[in-house]
Amino acid sequence: MPALVVDIRRNSLDDGPGIRSTVFFKGCVLDCVWCQNPETLSVKAELQYNPQSCVACGDCAAACPSGALTFDGQREYDRERCLLDGVCVDTCPAGAVRFVGTEYQPEELIARLMRDEPFYRNSGGGVTFSGGEPTIHLEFVATVAEALQARGVHTLLQTCGLYPADRVEARLLPHLDQIYFDTKIADPERHRQYCGVDNRVILSNLARLAATDRERVLPRVPLIPTITDTDDNLAGIATILRDLGFDRVALLAYNPLWIQKRAELGLPFRYRHEQFMSADEIARCRAVMTDRGLEVV
């Protein structure tokens, strides 16, 4: 039951209460045009190339056994021919090429996370499962969450909300202390346009949680300029949340740092906005929510 992990961010203060270790799993069921973690989209391991670090020595191409890498004054990479054997990673003297995706067994991940147990205990922190979409690896995450909770570690799931509700509620939900549930776009067709699928299953799953576990759930809205941060969209989400009985919401200010990561992975762009949100823009979004009776946390 291995799973691919992109990163384990230790000493995190932004992914739940206290000091946390955040595990970013590989693979997502959505395809949001602004994905903040594009390295987690694919369920497969990948190579990430940083041209700013490259010293143009050509050693990676010379060592590549499949011919996926060629160098004639400029590096060219054929993703389809790549064997992901790691030769180029080991050969690169500048560290410009790296693997994205490390395989873990549940017991390996549990042991690594428990190294920081004193920080969790003394700060009221714990472990956050993120991604990508962690529920893709449902049995793996449930096994880890169950073991951590048995050791007194607070567990939190960050989810896009698109998951098999019966299985998640039966296997994973009993071992979670908190859920951060992303609500991105109110209109189903706009959700399909920008996220790859409509939001009907997502809203159904949110309604189920609202009926049984509302106190454990914090809805979150990523603020994406011209897409999710419009007054109409935010008002629509506010109405949905209020109708379900929620009185709190978190707003996630836009961060353009994903753009470089997407370029390093060789992924195409369907959206691009290179500025951080201003304080005035964030304040406007907060006002839409507070004017409709939601506390922004």
Protein backbone atom coordinates (compact mmCIF):
# COMPACT_ATOMS: atom_id res chain seq x y z
CA MET A 1 0.00 0.00 0.00
CA PRO A 2 2.58 2.60 -0.97
CA ALA A 3 1.71 6.19 -1.84
CA LEU A 4 3.71 8.89 -3.58
CA VAL A 5 4.50 11.93 -1.45
CA VAL A 6 5.73 15.19 -2.99
CA ASP A 7 6.84 16.86 0.22
CA ILE A 8 6.59 16.76 4.00
CA ARG A 9 6.60 20.34 5.22
CA ARG A 10 7.70 20.41 8.84
CA ASN A 11 7.13 23.26 11.29
CA SER A 12 4.15 24.49 9.29
CA LEU A 13 2.01 27.20 10.88
CA ASP A 14 -0.48 27.71 8.02
CA ASP A 15 -2.18 24.33 7.66
CA GLY A 16 -4.13 24.03 10.89
CA PRO A 17 -3.73 24.71 14.61
CA GLY A 18 -0.30 24.70 16.25
CA ILE A 19 2.95 23.49 14.72
CA ARG A 20 2.24 20.87 12.08
CA SER A 21 3.79 18.52 9.57
CA THR A 22 1.94 18.80 6.26
CA VAL A 23 2.09 15.82 3.91
CA PHE A 24 1.55 16.65 0.23
CA PHE A 25 0.33 13.57 -1.64
CA LYS A 26 0.68 13.16 -5.38
CA GLY A 27 -2.42 13.02 -7.53
CA CYS A 28 -5.57 15.11 -7.84
CA VAL A 29 -9.08 14.54 -9.23
CA LEU A 30 -9.47 18.19 -10.26
CA ASP A 31 -7.51 20.16 -12.85
CA CYS A 32 -7.79 23.75 -11.65
CA VAL A 33 -6.21 26.20 -14.06
CA TRP A 34 -4.55 28.04 -11.14
CA CYS A 35 -3.37 24.96 -9.19
CA GLN A 36 -1.04 26.18 -6.45
CA ASN A 37 0.71 22.79 -6.28
CA PRO A 38 1.00 21.63 -9.92
CA GLU A 39 3.63 19.09 -8.91
CA THR A 40 0.84 17.15 -7.16
CA LEU A 41 -1.55 16.93 -10.12
CA SER A 42 -0.23 13.69 -11.63
CA VAL A 43 -0.37 10.45 -9.66
CA LYS A 44 2.97 9.47 -11.22
CA ALA A 45 6.51 10.52 -10.38
CA GLU A 46 7.87 13.37 -12.50
CA LEU A 47 11.03 15.34 -13.18
CA GLN A 48 11.13 19.01 -12.32
CA TYR A 49 13.72 21.18 -14.07
CA ASN A 50 14.84 24.61 -12.86
CA PRO A 51 16.53 26.45 -15.76
CA GLN A 52 17.85 29.15 -13.40
CA SER A 53 20.04 26.54 -11.68
CA CYS A 54 21.23 24.88 -14.90
CA VAL A 55 24.90 25.48 -15.79
CA ALA A 56 24.42 24.19 -19.37
CA CYS A 57 27.05 21.48 -19.03
CA GLY A 58 25.05 18.85 -20.95
CA ASP A 59 26.01 16.06 -18.52
CA CYS A 60 22.36 15.06 -18.02
CA ALA A 61 21.82 14.50 -21.75
CA ALA A 62 25.06 12.57 -22.13
CA ALA A 63 24.07 10.22 -19.29
CA CYS A 64 20.41 9.72 -20.27
CA PRO A 65 20.00 6.06 -21.38
CA SER A 66 16.68 6.58 -23.17
CA GLY A 67 17.53 9.67 -25.21
CA ALA A 68 14.75 11.58 -23.52
CA LEU A 69 17.23 14.38 -22.81
CA THR A 70 19.21 16.05 -25.58
CA PHE A 71 21.46 19.10 -25.42
CA ASP A 72 22.62 21.18 -28.34
CA GLY A 73 23.18 24.53 -26.68
CA GLN A 74 19.72 24.16 -25.17
CA ARG A 75 18.18 21.38 -23.10
CA GLU A 76 15.31 19.46 -24.72
CA TYR A 77 13.21 16.94 -22.77
CA ASP A 78 10.89 14.29 -24.27
CA ARG A 79 8.61 13.35 -21.38
CA GLU A 80 7.16 10.36 -23.26
CA ARG A 81 10.57 8.67 -23.65
CA CYS A 82 11.69 9.30 -20.07
CA LEU A 83 12.25 6.18 -17.97
CA LEU A 84 12.33 8.11 -14.68
CA ASP A 85 15.44 6.17 -13.75
CA GLY A 86 17.02 9.14 -11.99
CA VAL A 87 20.29 9.11 -13.93
CA CYS A 88 19.97 12.78 -14.87
CA VAL A 89 19.16 13.72 -11.27
CA ASP A 90 22.26 11.94 -10.01
CA THR A 91 24.41 13.38 -12.79
CA CYS A 92 23.42 17.05 -12.64
CA PRO A 93 26.18 18.94 -10.78
CA ALA A 94 23.96 21.96 -10.10
CA GLY A 95 20.87 20.22 -8.76
CA ALA A 96 18.75 21.68 -11.55
CA VAL A 97 16.81 18.43 -11.99
CA ARG A 98 14.92 16.71 -9.20
CA PHE A 99 12.43 13.90 -8.72
CA VAL A 100 8.91 14.83 -7.71
CA GLY A 101 7.31 11.93 -5.86
CA THR A 102 8.82 9.70 -3.18
CA GLU A 103 7.23 6.34 -2.38
CA TYR A 104 6.28 5.67 1.24
CA GLN A 105 4.77 2.73 3.05
CA PRO A 106 2.35 3.72 5.86
CA GLU A 107 4.70 2.65 8.63
CA GLU A 108 7.56 4.65 7.08
CA LEU A 109 5.49 7.82 6.97
CA ILE A 110 4.16 7.30 10.50
CA ALA A 111 7.69 6.91 11.86
CA ARG A 112 8.88 10.04 10.08
CA LEU A 113 5.93 12.12 11.28
CA MET A 114 6.29 10.96 14.87
CA ARG A 115 9.79 12.47 15.02
CA ASP A 116 8.03 15.81 15.53
CA GLU A 117 5.60 14.58 18.18
CA PRO A 118 7.07 16.89 20.89
CA PHE A 119 6.27 19.92 18.69
CA TYR A 120 2.71 18.72 18.12
CA ARG A 121 2.19 18.08 21.82
CA ASN A 122 3.63 21.37 23.06
CA SER A 123 1.90 23.58 20.48
CA GLY A 124 -1.46 21.91 20.04
CA GLY A 125 -0.41 20.97 16.52
CA GLY A 126 -0.42 17.77 14.54
CA VAL A 127 -0.38 16.36 11.02
CA THR A 128 -2.19 17.73 7.96
CA PHE A 129 -2.91 15.58 4.91
CA SER A 130 -2.82 17.72 1.78
CA GLY A 131 -2.03 17.43 -1.91
CA GLY A 132 -3.22 17.03 -4.56
CA GLU A 133 -6.19 15.20 -3.15
CA PRO A 134 -5.29 12.90 -0.23
CA THR A 135 -8.43 10.78 -0.54
CA ILE A 136 -7.05 9.33 -3.78
CA HIS A 137 -4.86 7.32 -1.40
CA LEU A 138 -7.78 6.57 0.92
CA GLU A 139 -6.61 3.35 2.58
CA PHE A 140 -3.09 4.69 3.01
CA VAL A 141 -4.22 7.98 4.57
CA ALA A 142 -6.76 6.24 6.79
CA THR A 143 -4.12 3.82 8.06
CA VAL A 144 -1.73 6.67 8.87
CA ALA A 145 -4.45 8.85 10.43
CA GLU A 146 -5.68 6.00 12.61
CA ALA A 147 -2.16 5.28 13.89
CA LEU A 148 -1.44 8.96 14.57
CA GLN A 149 -4.72 9.53 16.37
CA ALA A 150 -4.06 6.50 18.54
CA ARG A 151 -0.82 8.21 19.57
CA GLY A 152 -2.65 11.40 20.49
CA VAL A 153 -1.69 13.37 17.36
CA HIS A 154 -4.23 15.84 15.94
CA THR A 155 -5.13 14.95 12.33
CA LEU A 156 -6.49 17.28 9.66
CA LEU A 157 -7.56 16.66 6.07
CA GLN A 158 -7.37 19.30 3.35
CA THR A 159 -9.69 18.21 0.54
CA CYS A 160 -11.13 19.50 -2.71
CA GLY A 161 -14.32 17.67 -1.74
CA LEU A 162 -14.51 15.33 -4.73
CA TYR A 163 -14.33 11.87 -3.15
CA PRO A 164 -16.46 8.71 -2.65
CA ALA A 165 -18.50 9.82 0.36
CA ASP A 166 -19.53 6.42 1.69
CA ARG A 167 -15.97 5.10 1.74
CA VAL A 168 -14.42 8.26 3.15
CA GLU A 169 -17.04 8.55 5.88
CA ALA A 170 -16.64 4.91 6.87
CA ARG A 171 -12.87 4.54 6.67
CA LEU A 172 -11.26 7.97 7.13
CA LEU A 173 -13.66 10.32 8.86
CA PRO A 174 -13.50 8.51 12.24
CA HIS A 175 -9.76 9.22 12.39
CA LEU A 176 -9.88 12.95 11.57
CA ASP A 177 -10.06 15.76 14.09
CA GLN A 178 -10.65 18.49 11.51
CA ILE A 179 -11.43 18.96 7.81
CA TYR A 180 -10.56 21.93 5.60
CA PHE A 181 -13.02 21.73 2.69
CA ASP A 182 -12.34 23.85 -0.41
CA THR A 183 -15.32 25.56 -2.05
CA LYS A 184 -14.02 27.22 -5.18
CA ILE A 185 -16.81 28.16 -7.57
CA ALA A 186 -20.55 28.29 -6.93
CA ASP A 187 -21.81 27.79 -10.48
CA PRO A 188 -21.51 24.17 -11.72
CA GLU A 189 -20.64 25.04 -15.32
CA ARG A 190 -18.01 27.63 -14.36
CA HIS A 191 -16.60 25.02 -11.98
CA ARG A 192 -16.33 22.61 -14.89
CA GLN A 193 -14.70 25.29 -17.03
CA TYR A 194 -11.96 26.15 -14.55
CA CYS A 195 -11.60 22.95 -12.48
CA GLY A 196 -12.27 20.18 -15.00
CA VAL A 197 -15.53 18.82 -13.49
CA ASP A 198 -18.72 20.37 -12.14
CA ASN A 199 -19.24 20.79 -8.40
CA ARG A 200 -22.37 18.70 -7.81
CA VAL A 201 -20.61 15.83 -6.01
CA ILE A 202 -18.47 18.31 -4.07
CA LEU A 203 -21.51 20.21 -2.79
CA SER A 204 -23.28 16.95 -1.99
CA ASN A 205 -20.30 15.81 0.09
CA LEU A 206 -20.19 19.18 1.85
CA ALA A 207 -23.91 18.91 2.65
CA ARG A 208 -23.38 15.45 4.15
CA LEU A 209 -20.61 16.76 6.38
CA ALA A 210 -22.72 19.77 7.35
CA ALA A 211 -25.48 17.44 8.51
CA THR A 212 -23.24 15.23 10.68
CA ASP A 213 -19.87 16.86 11.37
CA ARG A 214 -20.26 20.60 10.83
CA GLU A 215 -18.14 21.57 13.85
CA ARG A 216 -15.15 19.72 12.43
CA VAL A 217 -15.38 21.36 8.98
CA LEU A 218 -13.94 24.70 7.89
CA PRO A 219 -14.95 25.71 4.34
CA ARG A 220 -12.18 27.55 2.47
CA VAL A 221 -12.26 29.69 -0.67
CA PRO A 222 -9.09 30.22 -2.73
CA LEU A 223 -9.21 33.77 -4.05
CA ILE A 224 -8.21 33.59 -7.72
CA PRO A 225 -8.28 36.92 -9.57
CA THR A 226 -11.11 37.16 -12.15
CA ILE A 227 -12.25 33.57 -11.43
CA THR A 228 -13.20 32.94 -7.81
CA ASP A 229 -12.76 36.41 -6.31
CA THR A 230 -15.69 38.03 -8.11
CA ASP A 231 -18.52 39.41 -6.00
CA ASP A 232 -21.04 37.14 -7.75
CA ASN A 233 -19.05 33.99 -7.07
CA LEU A 234 -18.29 34.85 -3.46
CA ALA A 235 -21.94 35.77 -2.84
CA GLY A 236 -22.99 32.44 -4.37
CA ILE A 237 -20.61 30.50 -2.13
CA ALA A 238 -21.76 32.47 0.91
CA THR A 239 -25.37 31.54 0.16
CA ILE A 240 -24.46 27.87 -0.18
CA LEU A 241 -22.56 27.87 3.12
CA ARG A 242 -25.26 29.73 5.04
CA ASP A 243 -27.95 27.39 3.69
CA LEU A 244 -25.90 24.44 4.99
CA GLY A 245 -25.61 26.02 8.43
CA PHE A 246 -21.99 27.18 8.29
CA ASP A 247 -21.12 30.45 9.97
CA ARG A 248 -17.36 30.55 9.27
CA VAL A 249 -15.19 30.56 6.16
CA ALA A 250 -11.47 30.92 5.41
CA LEU A 251 -10.26 32.98 2.46
CA LEU A 252 -6.95 31.98 0.85
CA ALA A 253 -5.23 34.94 -0.80
CA TYR A 254 -3.84 34.30 -4.28
CA ASN A 255 -0.17 33.38 -4.56
CA PRO A 256 1.49 33.44 -8.02
CA LEU A 257 4.48 31.26 -7.06
CA TRP A 258 2.82 28.26 -8.74
CA ILE A 259 3.64 29.75 -12.15
CA GLN A 260 7.35 28.94 -11.93
CA LYS A 261 6.64 25.40 -10.70
CA ARG A 262 4.27 24.74 -13.58
CA ALA A 263 6.87 25.95 -16.07
CA GLU A 264 9.54 23.73 -14.48
CA LEU A 265 7.24 20.72 -14.95
CA GLY A 266 6.69 21.56 -18.62
CA LEU A 267 2.92 21.91 -18.16
CA PRO A 268 0.83 24.18 -20.41
CA PHE A 269 -0.84 27.34 -19.09
CA ARG A 270 -4.55 28.11 -19.37
CA TYR A 271 -4.44 30.95 -16.84
CA ARG A 272 -1.75 33.30 -15.70
CA HIS A 273 -1.80 36.11 -13.14
CA GLU A 274 1.57 37.21 -11.82
CA GLN A 275 0.68 39.60 -9.00
CA PHE A 276 -0.11 38.92 -5.36
CA MET A 277 -3.48 40.19 -4.16
CA SER A 278 -3.51 43.64 -2.61
CA ALA A 279 -4.84 44.35 0.86
CA ASP A 280 -7.77 46.23 -0.69
CA GLU A 281 -8.69 43.27 -2.89
CA ILE A 282 -8.63 40.90 0.07
CA ALA A 283 -10.70 43.34 2.13
CA ARG A 284 -13.34 43.49 -0.61
CA CYS A 285 -13.61 39.69 -0.64
CA ARG A 286 -13.89 39.60 3.15
CA ALA A 287 -16.67 42.17 3.03
CA VAL A 288 -18.74 40.06 0.63
CA MET A 289 -18.65 37.22 3.13
CA THR A 290 -19.15 39.24 6.33
CA ASP A 291 -22.03 41.19 4.78
CA ARG A 292 -23.78 37.83 4.36
CA GLY A 293 -23.27 36.76 7.94
CA LEU A 294 -20.12 34.66 7.67
CA GLU A 295 -17.15 35.09 9.97
CA VAL A 296 -13.89 35.12 8.03
CA VAL A 297 -11.20 33.26 9.96
